Amino acid sequence: MIEKKIGLQHISPRLSLVAEVRKNLPYASLQELVEEVDFKITKSGIYHRLKKISQIAESL
């Protein structure tokens, strides 16, 4: 939804990267998402970024 309305380039790079990874791996576990990003992050960090992405999408 964010991608279609405003584009991922309008959110922070780390949020954008997490959004791209989730889009490419919609059924992946948090651990699998951690392994796919190119920066050090915890499962909790991924969860909070996904929650923030969801909040942004809902506000559009």
Protein backbone atom coordinates (compact mmCIF):
# COMPACT_ATOMS: atom_id res chain seq x y z
CA MET A 1 0.00 0.00 0.00
CA ILE A 2 2.79 2.46 0.87
CA GLU A 3 4.59 1.52 -2.32
CA LYS A 4 1.53 2.28 -4.46
CA LYS A 5 0.47 5.51 -2.69
CA ILE A 6 3.72 7.33 -1.90
CA GLY A 7 6.56 4.97 -2.79
CA LEU A 8 9.01 3.26 -0.46
CA GLN A 9 11.58 5.99 -1.10
CA HIS A 10 9.49 8.28 1.13
CA ILE A 11 10.06 6.21 4.27
CA SER A 12 13.38 5.63 6.02
CA PRO A 13 15.86 3.37 4.22
CA ARG A 14 15.77 0.73 6.95
CA LEU A 15 11.97 0.64 6.98
CA SER A 16 12.02 0.46 3.20
CA LEU A 17 14.45 -2.46 3.23
CA VAL A 18 12.36 -4.38 5.78
CA ALA A 19 9.24 -3.69 3.69
CA GLU A 20 10.96 -5.02 0.56
CA VAL A 21 12.16 -8.16 2.34
CA ARG A 22 8.66 -8.80 3.74
CA LYS A 23 7.13 -8.25 0.30
CA ASN A 24 9.54 -10.78 -1.21
CA LEU A 25 9.10 -13.28 1.65
CA PRO A 26 5.51 -12.83 2.87
CA TYR A 27 5.42 -16.05 4.90
CA ALA A 28 8.92 -15.86 6.38
CA SER A 29 9.43 -15.96 10.12
CA LEU A 30 11.00 -13.02 11.93
CA GLN A 31 14.24 -15.02 12.16
CA GLU A 32 14.25 -15.59 8.40
CA LEU A 33 13.71 -11.86 7.84
CA VAL A 34 16.62 -11.06 10.19
CA GLU A 35 18.83 -13.31 8.06
CA GLU A 36 17.78 -11.54 4.85
CA VAL A 37 18.48 -7.90 5.76
CA ASP A 38 21.96 -6.49 5.21
CA PHE A 39 22.32 -4.83 8.61
CA LYS A 40 22.46 -6.15 12.16
CA ILE A 41 18.98 -6.35 13.67
CA THR A 42 17.09 -8.52 16.12
CA LYS A 43 13.73 -10.23 15.68
CA SER A 44 12.30 -7.57 17.97
CA GLY A 45 13.76 -4.87 15.74
CA ILE A 46 12.16 -6.44 12.67
CA TYR A 47 8.83 -6.71 14.52
CA HIS A 48 8.88 -3.04 15.51
CA ARG A 49 9.78 -1.93 11.99
CA LEU A 50 6.95 -4.03 10.54
CA LYS A 51 4.58 -2.49 13.09
CA LYS A 52 5.75 1.03 12.10
CA ILE A 53 5.29 0.19 8.40
CA SER A 54 1.76 -1.01 9.17
CA GLN A 55 1.00 2.22 11.05
CA ILE A 56 2.24 4.31 8.12
CA ALA A 57 0.11 2.27 5.70
CA GLU A 58 -3.00 2.70 7.86
CA SER A 59 -2.50 6.47 8.02
CA LEU A 60 -2.53 6.83 4.23
